[in-house]
Amino acid sequence: MTRTEPAGLPLGDDFHLYDTTLRDGAQREGISYSVADKLAVARLLDELGVGFIEGGWPGALPKDTEFFARAADGELILKHAALVAFGSTRKAGTTAAEDAQVRALLDSRAPVVTLVAKSDRRHIERALRVDVDEACAMVADTVSFLVGEGRRVFLDAEHFFDGYAFDPDTALRVLEAGFTAGADVVVLCDTNGGQLPLGIAETVREVAARTGFRLGIHCQDDTSCAVANSIAAVQAGATHVQCTANGYGERAGNADLFAVTGNLVAKLGMDVLPTGGAAELTRVSHALAEIANIAPDTHQAYVGSSAFAHKAGLHASAIKVDPLLYNHIDPSSVGNDMRVLVTEMAGRASLELKGRELGVDLAGRPDAVTSVVAKVKELEAEGWSFEAADASLELLLREEVDGPAEPPFTLESYRVVLDHRGDGEVISEATVKVHVAGERVIATAEGNGPVHALDAALRKALSPSLSWLDSVELSDYKVRILPSHPGSDAVTRVLLKSSDGDQEWTTVGVHGSIVEASWLALCDALVHKSMRG
């Protein structure tokens, strides 16, 4: 088997963007990838354009063994990346050729193998229970055997920074054993995640000067510095950086692939992705979060939905002149968007920018802007929040500019009752009386809760007259009980996300009754859809 290098990447083999989501990232609490999940993750990472995808530990985990078998049998066709199998060096007292775990790495048919080896003398003597000579022999024998079998080999020097600080000669001997036996890269691992950027950079420079080896970096995030440490290592000479999608990993996680890549591209000017790859960062980040069944981090650098969201009126005033005055990059360069949040903190500039974003022209309408700013502040004082409810805000803006929107129906009354049945089942029943298309319509429906029943009854009443209604569904529903002011009752705020398959929009309702708050948000959702056609 011939050595495999990254395909079709601008920097070729000069720099490695290496992903270990499927192995190290899968160790995050709460993540459990199926084999189908692992194949889907690998395809997305390859679409993005990473150079190497570490698929797992074949031979140690049945799912990983199956993943490599299915990948090799044609279920995973990679255009950019090389697939990597992860494993350990041979055991003490045997040879690499006889070690079952090393054989499993060959059987995976992965063209690249990453071996983990302890480089801290304390771990070698206490955990492996061998001397340094034997530990180095284990490394050299395994690397040499795999290279002889046609595999490209990287060596992960586990606990390197801690080991180098304790006994630098032993740590360097482990690196030398791997590199002289044929490893292409020796990866310095901050396994416990306790390092800081200046210390990382100093050690990488020193090791590079003392060895001349090609160095990589692998950082955990226990000091919340994994991304900064990775970038510092690259600036100090590392040409291979290991990351995980969205920073997934055990304990506090790993260096976030998307933040590291964003920094390499936007701040260091390194073309580590194929043409157009950087603009896919946000999409791929969110898609991988869905597969992991973890909500995307809204405040994640570069790709979070709040990464380019502006709330302060002072910011909005400057952004109105030039968006880059308060954005460190053009959001579209990483596939993201700038958003202006309208809250009680908003000023006139915030509202004008938000109106432009929503397609409402407020230019030359100072009275309308003043009026809406006052309304927003008044409503937010009562518990309303338009920060995440763009559809309700748009209705408010359009009402001020164009007059009230024509609702698709008018309410006469509604009623909701709960039916507690003898078997413990609780069913909600709602009746609505509405006027639609010049007719009075009464409809009743059941649901698994009062809001569900109310939505079902309203749909039953309106569907014959509103052809688009069947395409609209409730995709998310959030309730928050707001703290009451002294002498007043608590109020409920409902955020309702709706979708028609092409677009999503969010509306808000606030009332002392959760049912009425939900009704208000539901009505806004339908009015918004009707207005947008």
Protein backbone atom coordinates (compact mmCIF):
# COMPACT_ATOMS: atom_id res chain seq x y z
CA MET A 1 0.00 0.00 0.00
CA THR A 2 1.40 3.40 -0.94
CA ARG A 3 1.74 6.32 1.44
CA THR A 4 -1.32 8.55 1.41
CA GLU A 5 -1.18 12.33 1.42
CA PRO A 6 -4.03 14.86 1.58
CA ALA A 7 -5.63 15.21 -1.85
CA GLY A 8 -6.60 18.44 -3.55
CA LEU A 9 -5.68 20.73 -0.65
CA PRO A 10 -4.06 24.13 -1.31
CA LEU A 11 -1.15 23.49 1.05
CA GLY A 12 -0.79 19.86 0.03
CA ASP A 13 1.26 17.95 2.58
CA ASP A 14 2.98 21.06 3.93
CA PHE A 15 0.30 21.54 6.60
CA HIS A 16 -2.07 18.99 8.12
CA LEU A 17 -5.55 19.83 9.36
CA TYR A 18 -6.30 16.64 11.26
CA ASP A 19 -9.69 15.79 12.74
CA THR A 20 -10.25 13.33 15.58
CA THR A 21 -13.98 13.86 16.19
CA LEU A 22 -14.76 10.18 15.62
CA ARG A 23 -12.27 9.02 18.23
CA ASP A 24 -11.31 11.70 20.74
CA GLY A 25 -14.46 13.77 20.18
CA ALA A 26 -16.65 10.70 20.69
CA GLN A 27 -15.36 10.50 24.27
CA ARG A 28 -17.49 13.49 25.20
CA GLU A 29 -20.13 12.67 27.79
CA GLY A 30 -23.48 12.22 26.05
CA ILE A 31 -22.15 11.38 22.56
CA SER A 32 -22.63 7.88 21.19
CA TYR A 33 -22.12 7.59 17.44
CA SER A 34 -23.58 4.67 15.53
CA VAL A 35 -21.57 3.33 12.59
CA ALA A 36 -23.97 5.14 10.24
CA ASP A 37 -23.35 8.33 12.24
CA LYS A 38 -19.60 7.89 11.94
CA LEU A 39 -19.84 7.50 8.17
CA ALA A 40 -22.01 10.63 7.94
CA VAL A 41 -19.58 12.63 10.09
CA ALA A 42 -16.63 11.53 7.96
CA ARG A 43 -18.40 12.58 4.76
CA LEU A 44 -19.12 16.06 6.16
CA LEU A 45 -15.54 16.51 7.31
CA ASP A 46 -14.30 15.47 3.88
CA GLU A 47 -16.70 17.93 2.22
CA LEU A 48 -15.22 20.66 4.40
CA GLY A 49 -11.75 19.69 3.27
CA VAL A 50 -9.79 18.47 6.28
CA GLY A 51 -6.64 16.54 5.40
CA PHE A 52 -6.95 13.59 7.78
CA ILE A 53 -9.94 11.97 9.48
CA GLU A 54 -9.21 9.74 12.45
CA GLY A 55 -11.98 7.16 12.36
CA GLY A 56 -11.45 5.40 15.67
CA TRP A 57 -9.62 2.48 17.27
CA PRO A 58 -10.13 -0.71 15.23
CA GLY A 59 -9.72 -3.89 17.19
CA ALA A 60 -10.45 -2.16 20.48
CA LEU A 61 -14.05 -1.14 19.76
CA PRO A 62 -16.41 -3.27 17.63
CA LYS A 63 -18.16 -0.21 16.15
CA ASP A 64 -14.82 1.20 15.05
CA THR A 65 -13.81 -2.11 13.50
CA GLU A 66 -17.09 -2.18 11.57
CA PHE A 67 -16.68 1.46 10.53
CA PHE A 68 -13.28 0.80 8.93
CA ALA A 69 -14.55 -2.36 7.24
CA ARG A 70 -17.52 -0.57 5.71
CA ALA A 71 -15.36 2.40 4.71
CA ALA A 72 -12.84 0.13 2.98
CA ASP A 73 -15.63 -1.78 1.24
CA GLY A 74 -16.77 1.37 -0.54
CA GLU A 75 -19.29 3.08 1.77
CA LEU A 76 -16.92 5.99 2.36
CA ILE A 77 -15.39 7.69 -0.68
CA LEU A 78 -13.12 10.54 0.40
CA LYS A 79 -12.23 13.34 -2.03
CA HIS A 80 -9.85 15.32 0.15
CA ALA A 81 -9.03 13.47 3.34
CA ALA A 82 -7.03 10.36 4.17
CA LEU A 83 -8.62 7.97 6.66
CA VAL A 84 -6.63 7.32 9.82
CA ALA A 85 -6.76 4.35 12.22
CA PHE A 86 -5.75 5.05 15.82
CA GLY A 87 -4.09 2.57 18.14
CA SER A 88 -1.30 1.95 20.60
CA THR A 89 2.20 0.63 20.19
CA ARG A 90 2.86 -3.05 20.77
CA LYS A 91 2.79 -4.47 24.25
CA ALA A 92 5.98 -5.10 26.18
CA GLY A 93 7.62 -8.48 25.77
CA THR A 94 6.38 -9.20 22.23
CA THR A 95 6.91 -7.91 18.71
CA ALA A 96 4.76 -5.63 16.63
CA ALA A 97 4.22 -8.37 14.06
CA GLU A 98 2.80 -10.65 16.76
CA ASP A 99 0.71 -8.06 18.59
CA ALA A 100 -3.02 -8.54 17.92
CA GLN A 101 -3.79 -4.85 18.39
CA VAL A 102 -1.16 -3.79 15.87
CA ARG A 103 -2.49 -6.42 13.45
CA ALA A 104 -5.97 -4.92 13.84
CA LEU A 105 -4.57 -1.60 12.62
CA LEU A 106 -3.37 -3.30 9.46
CA ASP A 107 -6.64 -5.16 9.06
CA SER A 108 -8.53 -1.83 9.12
CA ARG A 109 -7.06 -1.13 5.67
CA ALA A 110 -6.65 2.53 6.65
CA PRO A 111 -3.74 4.07 4.73
CA VAL A 112 -2.60 6.12 7.73
CA VAL A 113 -2.06 5.02 11.34
CA THR A 114 -1.67 7.24 14.38
CA LEU A 115 0.06 5.51 17.29
CA VAL A 116 -0.18 6.75 20.85
CA ALA A 117 2.87 6.37 23.08
CA LYS A 118 3.56 7.66 26.57
CA SER A 119 6.31 10.25 26.69
CA ASP A 120 6.21 11.12 30.39
CA ARG A 121 8.65 8.98 32.40
CA ARG A 122 6.22 8.82 35.30
CA HIS A 123 3.57 7.27 33.06
CA ILE A 124 6.08 4.92 31.46
CA GLU A 125 7.27 3.57 34.80
CA ARG A 126 4.01 3.67 36.78
CA ALA A 127 1.31 2.99 34.17
CA LEU A 128 3.16 0.87 31.57
CA ARG A 129 5.50 -0.57 34.22
CA VAL A 130 8.45 -0.76 31.89
CA ASP A 131 11.71 1.15 31.73
CA VAL A 132 12.39 3.92 29.24
CA ASP A 133 14.50 1.67 27.01
CA GLU A 134 11.63 -0.78 26.56
CA ALA A 135 9.12 2.03 26.00
CA CYS A 136 11.27 3.42 23.20
CA ALA A 137 11.71 -0.06 21.72
CA MET A 138 7.93 -0.50 21.71
CA VAL A 139 7.60 2.73 19.74
CA ALA A 140 10.39 2.03 17.27
CA ASP A 141 9.34 -1.56 16.59
CA THR A 142 5.68 -0.66 15.97
CA VAL A 143 6.40 2.34 13.77
CA SER A 144 8.99 0.41 11.74
CA PHE A 145 6.64 -2.54 11.25
CA LEU A 146 3.70 -0.42 10.07
CA VAL A 147 5.88 1.65 7.74
CA GLY A 148 7.26 -1.60 6.33
CA GLU A 149 3.67 -2.67 5.64
CA GLY A 150 3.10 0.48 3.57
CA ARG A 151 1.32 2.61 6.15
CA ARG A 152 1.98 6.25 6.81
CA VAL A 153 2.52 6.70 10.56
CA PHE A 154 2.02 9.62 12.93
CA LEU A 155 3.10 9.35 16.58
CA ASP A 156 1.00 10.96 19.33
CA ALA A 157 3.37 11.63 22.24
CA GLU A 158 0.91 11.41 25.12
CA HIS A 159 1.42 13.75 28.11
CA PHE A 160 4.34 15.33 26.25
CA PHE A 161 4.30 18.79 27.81
CA ASP A 162 4.01 17.49 31.35
CA GLY A 163 6.66 14.85 30.63
CA TYR A 164 9.01 17.35 29.00
CA ALA A 165 8.77 19.63 32.03
CA PHE A 166 9.50 16.69 34.38
CA ASP A 167 12.22 14.90 32.35
CA PRO A 168 12.94 16.43 28.94
CA ASP A 169 15.51 13.80 27.95
CA THR A 170 13.00 10.95 28.25
CA ALA A 171 10.32 12.87 26.36
CA LEU A 172 12.74 13.58 23.52
CA ARG A 173 13.94 9.95 23.44
CA VAL A 174 10.35 8.82 22.76
CA LEU A 175 10.06 11.31 19.91
CA GLU A 176 13.39 10.20 18.47
CA ALA A 177 12.39 6.53 18.66
CA GLY A 178 9.33 7.21 16.56
CA PHE A 179 10.83 9.63 14.09
CA THR A 180 13.95 7.64 13.32
CA ALA A 181 11.82 4.51 12.83
CA GLY A 182 9.83 6.27 10.12
CA ALA A 183 7.04 8.32 11.70
CA ASP A 184 6.29 11.34 9.49
CA VAL A 185 5.07 13.55 12.32
CA VAL A 186 5.55 13.45 16.08
CA VAL A 187 2.56 15.08 17.76
CA LEU A 188 3.09 16.88 21.06
CA CYS A 189 0.00 16.20 23.19
CA ASP A 190 -1.27 18.34 26.04
CA THR A 191 -3.21 15.34 27.29
CA ASN A 192 -4.27 16.81 30.63
CA GLY A 193 -5.09 20.17 29.02
CA GLY A 194 -3.18 22.16 31.60
CA GLN A 195 -0.93 24.28 29.39
CA LEU A 196 -1.13 27.97 28.49
CA PRO A 197 -0.25 29.55 25.12
CA LEU A 198 3.10 31.12 25.97
CA GLY A 199 4.33 27.90 27.56
CA ILE A 200 3.14 25.83 24.59
CA ALA A 201 4.90 28.12 22.12
CA GLU A 202 8.15 28.12 24.12
CA THR A 203 8.23 24.31 24.32
CA VAL A 204 7.38 23.78 20.64
CA ARG A 205 10.15 26.17 19.56
CA GLU A 206 12.64 24.48 21.88
CA VAL A 207 11.75 20.96 20.73
CA ALA A 208 11.87 22.00 17.07
CA ALA A 209 15.33 23.52 17.58
CA ARG A 210 16.65 20.48 19.48
CA THR A 211 15.30 17.80 17.14
CA GLY A 212 14.53 19.14 13.69
CA PHE A 213 11.55 16.77 13.60
CA ARG A 214 8.24 17.61 11.97
CA LEU A 215 5.95 18.50 14.89
CA GLY A 216 2.23 18.36 15.43
CA ILE A 217 0.00 19.62 18.26
CA HIS A 218 -2.94 18.09 20.12
CA CYS A 219 -4.58 20.16 22.85
CA GLN A 220 -7.29 19.45 25.39
CA ASP A 221 -9.37 22.36 26.71
CA ASP A 222 -9.12 22.03 30.48
CA THR A 223 -7.81 25.59 30.82
CA SER A 224 -10.17 26.84 28.09
CA CYS A 225 -7.04 27.49 26.01
CA ALA A 226 -7.05 24.59 23.55
CA VAL A 227 -7.69 26.80 20.51
CA ALA A 228 -5.19 29.45 21.64
CA ASN A 229 -2.63 26.74 22.47
CA SER A 230 -3.06 25.15 19.04
CA ILE A 231 -2.59 28.46 17.24
CA ALA A 232 0.43 29.31 19.41
CA ALA A 233 1.96 25.94 18.50
CA VAL A 234 1.42 26.56 14.79
CA GLN A 235 3.01 29.99 15.07
CA ALA A 236 5.94 28.34 16.86
CA GLY A 237 6.49 25.82 14.07
CA ALA A 238 3.97 22.98 14.30
CA THR A 239 2.68 21.97 10.86
CA HIS A 240 0.09 19.41 11.94
CA VAL A 241 -2.83 20.37 14.19
CA GLN A 242 -5.36 17.95 15.67
CA CYS A 243 -8.88 19.14 16.47
CA THR A 244 -12.45 17.94 16.99
CA ALA A 245 -15.69 19.31 15.59
CA ASN A 246 -17.16 21.95 17.90
CA GLY A 247 -14.52 21.10 20.49
CA TYR A 248 -16.14 17.77 21.42
CA GLY A 249 -14.08 15.54 23.70
CA GLU A 250 -13.79 14.19 27.20
CA ARG A 251 -13.81 16.49 30.23
CA ALA A 252 -13.77 20.07 28.92
CA GLY A 253 -13.20 18.95 25.34
CA ASN A 254 -10.57 19.45 22.64
CA ALA A 255 -9.44 22.25 20.37
CA ASP A 256 -12.45 23.28 18.27
CA LEU A 257 -11.87 22.48 14.60
CA PHE A 258 -13.96 25.44 13.45
CA ALA A 259 -12.31 28.04 15.68
CA VAL A 260 -8.83 26.74 14.86
CA THR A 261 -9.57 26.69 11.14
CA GLY A 262 -11.19 30.14 11.27
CA ASN A 263 -8.07 31.52 12.92
CA LEU A 264 -5.69 29.79 10.52
CA VAL A 265 -7.58 31.11 7.50
CA ALA A 266 -8.72 34.55 8.66
CA LYS A 267 -5.89 35.54 10.98
CA LEU A 268 -2.82 33.71 9.69
CA GLY A 269 -3.78 33.71 6.01
CA MET A 270 -3.23 29.96 5.64
CA ASP A 271 -5.17 28.21 2.86
CA VAL A 272 -5.80 25.04 4.84
CA LEU A 273 -9.13 24.29 3.09
CA PRO A 274 -10.04 23.86 -0.58
CA THR A 275 -11.56 26.81 -2.39
CA GLY A 276 -14.91 27.66 -0.82
CA GLY A 277 -14.26 25.48 2.22
CA ALA A 278 -14.14 28.31 4.74
CA ALA A 279 -17.63 29.41 3.72
CA GLU A 280 -18.87 25.93 4.71
CA LEU A 281 -17.64 26.14 8.30
CA THR A 282 -20.98 27.21 9.82
CA ARG A 283 -23.06 24.70 7.85
CA VAL A 284 -20.80 21.77 8.66
CA SER A 285 -20.52 22.75 12.33
CA HIS A 286 -24.30 22.77 12.73
CA ALA A 287 -24.75 19.56 10.73
CA LEU A 288 -22.24 17.75 12.93
CA ALA A 289 -24.00 19.06 16.04
CA GLU A 290 -27.24 17.54 14.75
CA ILE A 291 -25.60 14.14 14.26
CA ALA A 292 -24.14 14.32 17.78
CA ASN A 293 -27.61 15.30 19.06
CA ILE A 294 -26.14 18.33 20.81
CA ALA A 295 -27.63 21.79 20.37
CA PRO A 296 -25.19 24.06 18.52
CA ASP A 297 -23.35 26.49 20.80
CA THR A 298 -24.89 29.83 19.87
CA HIS A 299 -21.85 31.71 21.18
CA GLN A 300 -19.23 29.57 19.44
CA ALA A 301 -16.55 31.63 17.69
CA TYR A 302 -16.95 32.06 13.93
CA VAL A 303 -19.89 29.63 13.50
CA GLY A 304 -22.26 30.35 16.40
CA SER A 305 -25.52 32.12 15.62
CA SER A 306 -24.48 34.88 18.04
CA ALA A 307 -20.90 35.16 16.78
CA PHE A 308 -21.81 38.26 14.76
CA ALA A 309 -24.90 39.40 16.67
CA HIS A 310 -24.95 42.97 17.94
CA LYS A 311 -27.16 44.27 20.72
CA ALA A 312 -25.70 47.56 21.90
CA GLY A 313 -26.98 50.68 20.21
CA LEU A 314 -23.45 52.08 20.07
CA HIS A 315 -22.35 49.09 17.99
CA ALA A 316 -25.29 49.44 15.64
CA SER A 317 -24.51 53.10 15.00
CA ALA A 318 -21.02 52.18 13.84
CA ILE A 319 -22.16 49.11 11.87
CA LYS A 320 -24.60 51.32 9.98
CA VAL A 321 -21.57 53.19 8.63
CA ASP A 322 -19.36 50.10 8.06
CA PRO A 323 -20.15 46.56 9.27
CA LEU A 324 -16.46 45.77 9.75
CA LEU A 325 -16.17 48.47 12.41
CA TYR A 326 -17.60 45.97 14.91
CA ASN A 327 -17.07 42.65 13.07
CA HIS A 328 -13.56 41.20 13.13
CA ILE A 329 -14.19 39.51 9.75
CA ASP A 330 -16.89 39.41 7.10
CA PRO A 331 -19.35 36.84 8.57
CA SER A 332 -20.15 35.44 5.13
CA SER A 333 -16.51 34.32 4.73
CA VAL A 334 -17.22 31.53 7.24
CA GLY A 335 -20.82 30.96 6.11
CA ASN A 336 -22.37 32.98 8.93
CA ASP A 337 -24.54 36.13 9.05
CA MET A 338 -24.48 39.36 10.97
CA ARG A 339 -27.55 39.96 13.09
CA VAL A 340 -28.75 43.07 14.89
CA LEU A 341 -30.71 42.30 18.05
CA VAL A 342 -33.52 44.64 18.98
CA THR A 343 -34.09 44.88 22.73
CA GLU A 344 -34.67 47.60 25.30
CA MET A 345 -30.98 48.42 24.81
CA ALA A 346 -31.53 49.19 21.14
CA GLY A 347 -31.25 52.63 19.68
CA ARG A 348 -32.44 54.13 16.42
CA ALA A 349 -29.52 52.73 14.43
CA SER A 350 -30.19 49.19 15.70
CA LEU A 351 -33.80 49.41 14.58
CA GLU A 352 -32.97 50.83 11.17
CA LEU A 353 -30.43 48.05 10.56
CA LYS A 354 -32.87 45.41 11.76
CA GLY A 355 -35.58 46.83 9.53
CA ARG A 356 -33.22 46.61 6.57
CA GLU A 357 -32.46 42.99 7.48
CA LEU A 358 -36.18 42.18 7.63
CA GLY A 359 -37.02 44.04 4.44
CA VAL A 360 -38.73 47.01 6.10
CA ASP A 361 -37.41 50.35 4.84
CA LEU A 362 -37.22 52.82 7.71
CA ALA A 363 -34.98 55.30 5.89
CA GLY A 364 -36.45 58.77 6.06
CA ARG A 365 -39.05 57.68 8.65
CA PRO A 366 -37.66 59.17 11.88
CA ASP A 367 -41.11 59.36 13.52
CA ALA A 368 -41.75 55.67 12.84
CA VAL A 369 -38.34 54.71 14.23
CA THR A 370 -38.91 56.78 17.36
CA SER A 371 -42.34 55.23 17.86
CA VAL A 372 -41.14 51.63 17.47
CA VAL A 373 -38.14 52.16 19.76
CA ALA A 374 -40.53 53.44 22.42
CA LYS A 375 -42.92 50.49 21.89
CA VAL A 376 -40.13 47.93 22.10
CA LYS A 377 -38.83 49.38 25.35
CA GLU A 378 -42.33 49.53 26.81
CA LEU A 379 -43.18 45.95 25.79
CA GLU A 380 -39.87 44.55 27.01
CA ALA A 381 -40.49 46.16 30.37
CA GLU A 382 -43.65 44.04 30.48
CA GLY A 383 -41.77 40.84 29.69
CA TRP A 384 -41.82 40.73 25.90
CA SER A 385 -38.56 39.90 24.13
CA PHE A 386 -37.95 40.48 20.45
CA GLU A 387 -34.30 39.43 20.51
CA ALA A 388 -35.15 35.94 19.23
CA ALA A 389 -38.58 36.72 17.75
CA ASP A 390 -37.85 38.38 14.43
CA ALA A 391 -41.29 37.60 12.99
CA SER A 392 -43.13 39.40 15.78
CA LEU A 393 -40.74 42.32 15.49
CA GLU A 394 -41.32 42.51 11.74
CA LEU A 395 -45.08 42.66 12.32
CA LEU A 396 -44.52 45.49 14.78
CA LEU A 397 -42.37 47.39 12.28
CA ARG A 398 -44.76 46.88 9.39
CA GLU A 399 -47.72 47.95 11.51
CA GLU A 400 -45.95 51.23 12.22
CA VAL A 401 -44.93 51.81 8.60
CA ASP A 402 -47.86 50.35 6.63
CA GLY A 403 -50.61 50.03 9.20
CA PRO A 404 -51.89 46.81 10.82
CA ALA A 405 -51.48 43.65 8.72
CA GLU A 406 -54.67 42.04 7.48
CA PRO A 407 -55.07 38.92 9.63
CA PRO A 408 -56.14 35.70 7.88
CA PHE A 409 -58.88 35.31 10.53
CA THR A 410 -60.41 37.06 13.51
CA LEU A 411 -61.10 35.42 16.85
CA GLU A 412 -64.51 35.39 18.43
CA SER A 413 -63.57 33.16 21.36
CA TYR A 414 -61.73 30.03 22.38
CA ARG A 415 -62.11 27.58 25.24
CA VAL A 416 -59.77 24.85 26.53
CA VAL A 417 -60.76 22.10 28.98
CA LEU A 418 -58.83 19.23 30.52
CA ASP A 419 -60.35 15.77 30.73
CA HIS A 420 -58.75 13.54 33.37
CA ARG A 421 -59.83 10.01 32.53
CA GLY A 422 -60.07 7.07 34.90
CA ASP A 423 -56.90 5.40 33.63
CA GLY A 424 -54.81 8.44 34.48
CA GLU A 425 -54.74 9.78 30.94
CA VAL A 426 -55.19 13.53 30.63
CA ILE A 427 -56.60 14.86 27.36
CA SER A 428 -57.01 18.52 26.43
CA GLU A 429 -59.95 19.64 24.31
CA ALA A 430 -60.12 23.05 22.65
CA THR A 431 -62.95 24.81 20.86
CA VAL A 432 -62.34 27.89 18.73
CA LYS A 433 -64.85 30.26 17.15
CA VAL A 434 -63.31 32.33 14.36
CA HIS A 435 -64.36 34.37 11.37
CA VAL A 436 -62.49 33.49 8.18
CA ALA A 437 -63.25 34.34 4.54
CA GLY A 438 -66.52 36.01 5.61
CA GLU A 439 -67.79 32.96 7.49
CA ARG A 440 -68.15 32.07 11.16
CA VAL A 441 -66.45 28.74 11.86
CA ILE A 442 -66.54 26.62 14.99
CA ALA A 443 -64.08 23.75 15.43
CA THR A 444 -63.16 21.40 18.26
CA ALA A 445 -60.08 19.19 18.56
CA GLU A 446 -58.19 17.18 21.14
CA GLY A 447 -54.49 17.33 21.94
CA ASN A 448 -51.89 16.09 24.40
CA GLY A 449 -51.83 19.51 26.05
CA PRO A 450 -53.84 22.73 25.97
CA VAL A 451 -51.60 24.42 23.40
CA HIS A 452 -51.54 21.37 21.16
CA ALA A 453 -55.32 21.11 21.33
CA LEU A 454 -55.72 24.82 20.59
CA ASP A 455 -53.41 24.59 17.59
CA ALA A 456 -55.29 21.53 16.30
CA ALA A 457 -58.67 23.22 16.66
CA LEU A 458 -57.47 26.37 14.92
CA ARG A 459 -56.03 24.36 12.04
CA LYS A 460 -59.30 22.44 11.70
CA ALA A 461 -61.21 25.71 11.46
CA LEU A 462 -58.85 27.44 9.03
CA SER A 463 -57.60 24.66 6.72
CA PRO A 464 -60.55 24.74 4.29
CA SER A 465 -59.95 28.45 3.65
CA LEU A 466 -56.14 28.75 3.90
CA SER A 467 -54.44 26.53 1.34
CA TRP A 468 -50.96 27.13 2.78
CA LEU A 469 -51.80 26.13 6.33
CA ASP A 470 -50.95 22.43 5.92
CA SER A 471 -47.34 23.36 5.12
CA VAL A 472 -46.89 25.20 8.42
CA GLU A 473 -45.81 23.25 11.48
CA LEU A 474 -44.59 24.15 14.95
CA SER A 475 -40.91 23.20 15.09
CA ASP A 476 -40.05 24.46 18.57
CA TYR A 477 -41.86 25.74 21.64
CA LYS A 478 -40.20 27.41 24.61
CA VAL A 479 -41.84 28.66 27.80
CA ARG A 480 -40.34 30.88 30.45
CA ILE A 481 -42.01 32.02 33.64
CA LEU A 482 -40.81 35.56 34.28
CA PRO A 483 -40.21 36.77 37.84
CA SER A 484 -42.95 39.02 39.05
CA HIS A 485 -42.61 42.51 40.39
CA PRO A 486 -43.68 43.06 44.00
CA GLY A 487 -47.47 43.19 44.18
CA SER A 488 -47.99 41.74 40.69
CA ASP A 489 -48.61 38.29 39.27
CA ALA A 490 -45.94 36.38 37.35
CA VAL A 491 -46.22 36.37 33.58
CA THR A 492 -45.36 33.71 31.02
CA ARG A 493 -43.36 34.27 27.87
CA VAL A 494 -43.73 31.84 24.98
CA LEU A 495 -41.39 31.64 22.00
CA LEU A 496 -42.86 29.72 19.09
CA LYS A 497 -40.77 28.64 16.10
CA SER A 498 -42.71 27.76 12.95
CA SER A 499 -41.59 26.28 9.65
CA ASP A 500 -43.09 25.79 6.20
CA GLY A 501 -40.29 23.57 4.93
CA ASP A 502 -38.46 26.45 3.27
CA GLN A 503 -38.28 29.07 6.01
CA GLU A 504 -38.42 29.26 9.79
CA TRP A 505 -39.72 32.18 11.82
CA THR A 506 -40.12 32.86 15.53
CA THR A 507 -42.89 34.71 17.31
CA VAL A 508 -43.43 35.70 20.92
CA GLY A 509 -46.42 35.98 23.22
CA VAL A 510 -46.60 37.24 26.83
CA HIS A 511 -49.48 36.91 29.28
CA GLY A 512 -50.32 35.77 32.78
CA SER A 513 -51.88 32.65 31.23
CA ILE A 514 -49.60 30.25 29.37
CA VAL A 515 -52.48 29.41 27.03
CA GLU A 516 -53.09 33.04 26.08
CA ALA A 517 -49.36 33.69 25.69
CA SER A 518 -49.21 30.69 23.36
CA TRP A 519 -52.28 31.91 21.45
CA LEU A 520 -50.70 35.32 20.88
CA ALA A 521 -47.50 33.72 19.53
CA LEU A 522 -49.52 31.31 17.40
CA CYS A 523 -51.60 34.11 15.87
CA ASP A 524 -48.47 36.13 15.06
CA ALA A 525 -46.99 33.07 13.36
CA LEU A 526 -49.98 32.69 11.06
CA VAL A 527 -50.25 36.42 10.34
CA HIS A 528 -46.56 36.49 9.44
CA LYS A 529 -46.94 33.52 7.10
CA SER A 530 -50.01 35.09 5.49
CA MET A 531 -48.20 38.40 5.03
CA ARG A 532 -45.21 36.66 3.42
CA GLY A 533 -47.45 34.61 1.16
